[in-house]
Amino acid sequence: MIWLPSPQGEGLGMRANHVLNSAAVGNVLEVVGNVLEVVGNVVEAVGNVVEAVGNVLEVVGNVLEMVRNVAGAFHCGSPLP
């Protein structure tokens, strides 16, 4: 490494190391950001599946309520629970 003094007292080689270290840290942070984005996408997908299951259960509940109402309309005597 060529060492040229600067007015601040550190050489150009030291500055180059700082720049390279900063670039490496930036790359690591970018990778961490990408991983967090993927995790966020997975969590969102799981949330969408849970919402879809909830929608299906709501429809099943509505169908069962209609069946109960129809059965109650034809039932003689005490109403169905």
C-alpha atoms as a PDB file:
ATOM      1  CA  MET A   1       0.000   0.000   0.000  1.00  0.00           C
ATOM      2  CA  ILE A   2       1.316   3.447  -0.846  1.00  0.00           C
ATOM      3  CA  TRP A   3       1.334   5.742   2.148  1.00  0.00           C
ATOM      4  CA  LEU A   4       1.037   9.420   1.324  1.00  0.00           C
ATOM      5  CA  PRO A   5       0.598  11.810   4.232  1.00  0.00           C
ATOM      6  CA  SER A   6      -2.397  14.126   4.226  1.00  0.00           C
ATOM      7  CA  PRO A   7      -2.987  17.386   6.110  1.00  0.00           C
ATOM      8  CA  GLN A   8      -5.240  15.504   8.544  1.00  0.00           C
ATOM      9  CA  GLY A   9      -2.378  13.227   9.489  1.00  0.00           C
ATOM     10  CA  GLU A  10      -3.612  10.011   7.874  1.00  0.00           C
ATOM     11  CA  GLY A  11      -2.438   8.571   4.603  1.00  0.00           C
ATOM     12  CA  LEU A  12      -4.418   7.924   1.452  1.00  0.00           C
ATOM     13  CA  GLY A  13      -4.079   4.208   2.165  1.00  0.00           C
ATOM     14  CA  MET A  14      -5.915   4.658   5.468  1.00  0.00           C
ATOM     15  CA  ARG A  15      -8.655   6.594   3.685  1.00  0.00           C
ATOM     16  CA  ALA A  16      -8.960   3.829   1.105  1.00  0.00           C
ATOM     17  CA  ASN A  17      -9.416   1.306   3.921  1.00  0.00           C
ATOM     18  CA  HIS A  18     -12.152   3.455   5.431  1.00  0.00           C
ATOM     19  CA  VAL A  19     -13.909   3.625   2.072  1.00  0.00           C
ATOM     20  CA  LEU A  20     -13.636  -0.139   1.566  1.00  0.00           C
ATOM     21  CA  ASN A  21     -14.856  -0.846   5.089  1.00  0.00           C
ATOM     22  CA  SER A  22     -17.780   1.518   4.585  1.00  0.00           C
ATOM     23  CA  ALA A  23     -18.656  -0.223   1.318  1.00  0.00           C
ATOM     24  CA  ALA A  24     -18.523  -3.626   3.020  1.00  0.00           C
ATOM     25  CA  VAL A  25     -20.786  -2.430   5.815  1.00  0.00           C
ATOM     26  CA  GLY A  26     -23.147  -1.003   3.214  1.00  0.00           C
ATOM     27  CA  ASN A  27     -23.246  -4.354   1.418  1.00  0.00           C
ATOM     28  CA  VAL A  28     -23.974  -6.206   4.653  1.00  0.00           C
ATOM     29  CA  LEU A  29     -26.761  -3.774   5.503  1.00  0.00           C
ATOM     30  CA  GLU A  30     -28.216  -4.204   2.017  1.00  0.00           C
ATOM     31  CA  VAL A  31     -28.241  -7.998   2.448  1.00  0.00           C
ATOM     32  CA  VAL A  32     -29.885  -7.648   5.864  1.00  0.00           C
ATOM     33  CA  GLY A  33     -32.480  -5.362   4.303  1.00  0.00           C
ATOM     34  CA  ASN A  34     -33.168  -7.903   1.568  1.00  0.00           C
ATOM     35  CA  VAL A  35     -33.573 -10.696   4.113  1.00  0.00           C
ATOM     36  CA  LEU A  36     -35.979  -8.580   6.158  1.00  0.00           C
ATOM     37  CA  GLU A  37     -37.962  -7.813   3.011  1.00  0.00           C
ATOM     38  CA  VAL A  38     -38.269 -11.542   2.254  1.00  0.00           C
ATOM     39  CA  VAL A  39     -39.338 -12.226   5.847  1.00  0.00           C
ATOM     40  CA  GLY A  40     -41.930  -9.476   5.526  1.00  0.00           C
ATOM     41  CA  ASN A  41     -43.246 -11.018   2.323  1.00  0.00           C
ATOM     42  CA  VAL A  42     -43.533 -14.426   3.995  1.00  0.00           C
ATOM     43  CA  VAL A  43     -45.380 -12.928   6.960  1.00  0.00           C
ATOM     44  CA  GLU A  44     -47.723 -11.120   4.577  1.00  0.00           C
ATOM     45  CA  ALA A  45     -48.370 -14.359   2.659  1.00  0.00           C
ATOM     46  CA  VAL A  46     -49.142 -16.206   5.894  1.00  0.00           C
ATOM     47  CA  GLY A  47     -51.501 -13.400   6.856  1.00  0.00           C
ATOM     48  CA  ASN A  48     -53.262 -13.720   3.515  1.00  0.00           C
ATOM     49  CA  VAL A  49     -53.717 -17.470   4.039  1.00  0.00           C
ATOM     50  CA  VAL A  50     -55.092 -16.911   7.540  1.00  0.00           C
ATOM     51  CA  GLU A  51     -57.487 -14.307   6.171  1.00  0.00           C
ATOM     52  CA  ALA A  52     -58.635 -16.705   3.436  1.00  0.00           C
ATOM     53  CA  VAL A  53     -59.252 -19.457   5.998  1.00  0.00           C
ATOM     54  CA  GLY A  54     -61.246 -16.979   8.073  1.00  0.00           C
ATOM     55  CA  ASN A  55     -63.337 -16.095   5.033  1.00  0.00           C
ATOM     56  CA  VAL A  56     -64.054 -19.774   4.342  1.00  0.00           C
ATOM     57  CA  LEU A  57     -65.049 -20.347   7.972  1.00  0.00           C
ATOM     58  CA  GLU A  58     -67.352 -17.347   7.817  1.00  0.00           C
ATOM     59  CA  VAL A  59     -69.060 -18.755   4.706  1.00  0.00           C
ATOM     60  CA  VAL A  60     -69.415 -22.181   6.380  1.00  0.00           C
ATOM     61  CA  GLY A  61     -70.954 -20.480   9.412  1.00  0.00           C
ATOM     62  CA  ASN A  62     -73.406 -18.613   7.199  1.00  0.00           C
ATOM     63  CA  VAL A  63     -74.413 -21.838   5.418  1.00  0.00           C
ATOM     64  CA  LEU A  64     -74.904 -23.633   8.732  1.00  0.00           C
ATOM     65  CA  GLU A  65     -77.049 -20.759   9.998  1.00  0.00           C
ATOM     66  CA  MET A  66     -79.205 -20.957   6.845  1.00  0.00           C
ATOM     67  CA  VAL A  67     -79.577 -24.719   7.265  1.00  0.00           C
ATOM     68  CA  ARG A  68     -80.599 -24.194  10.877  1.00  0.00           C
ATOM     69  CA  ASN A  69     -83.146 -21.555   9.856  1.00  0.00           C
ATOM     70  CA  VAL A  70     -84.618 -23.797   7.149  1.00  0.00           C
ATOM     71  CA  ALA A  71     -84.758 -26.769   9.522  1.00  0.00           C
ATOM     72  CA  GLY A  72     -86.395 -24.573  12.153  1.00  0.00           C
ATOM     73  CA  ALA A  73     -89.047 -23.475   9.691  1.00  0.00           C
ATOM     74  CA  PHE A  74     -90.112 -27.096   9.140  1.00  0.00           C
ATOM     75  CA  HIS A  75     -89.733 -28.214  12.740  1.00  0.00           C
ATOM     76  CA  CYS A  76     -92.899 -28.782  14.715  1.00  0.00           C
ATOM     77  CA  GLY A  77     -92.875 -28.184  18.442  1.00  0.00           C
ATOM     78  CA  SER A  78     -90.110 -26.405  20.335  1.00  0.00           C
ATOM     79  CA  PRO A  79     -87.655 -24.379  18.244  1.00  0.00           C
ATOM     80  CA  LEU A  80     -84.188 -25.708  17.551  1.00  0.00           C
ATOM     81  CA  PRO A  81     -81.458 -24.424  19.865  1.00  0.00           C
END
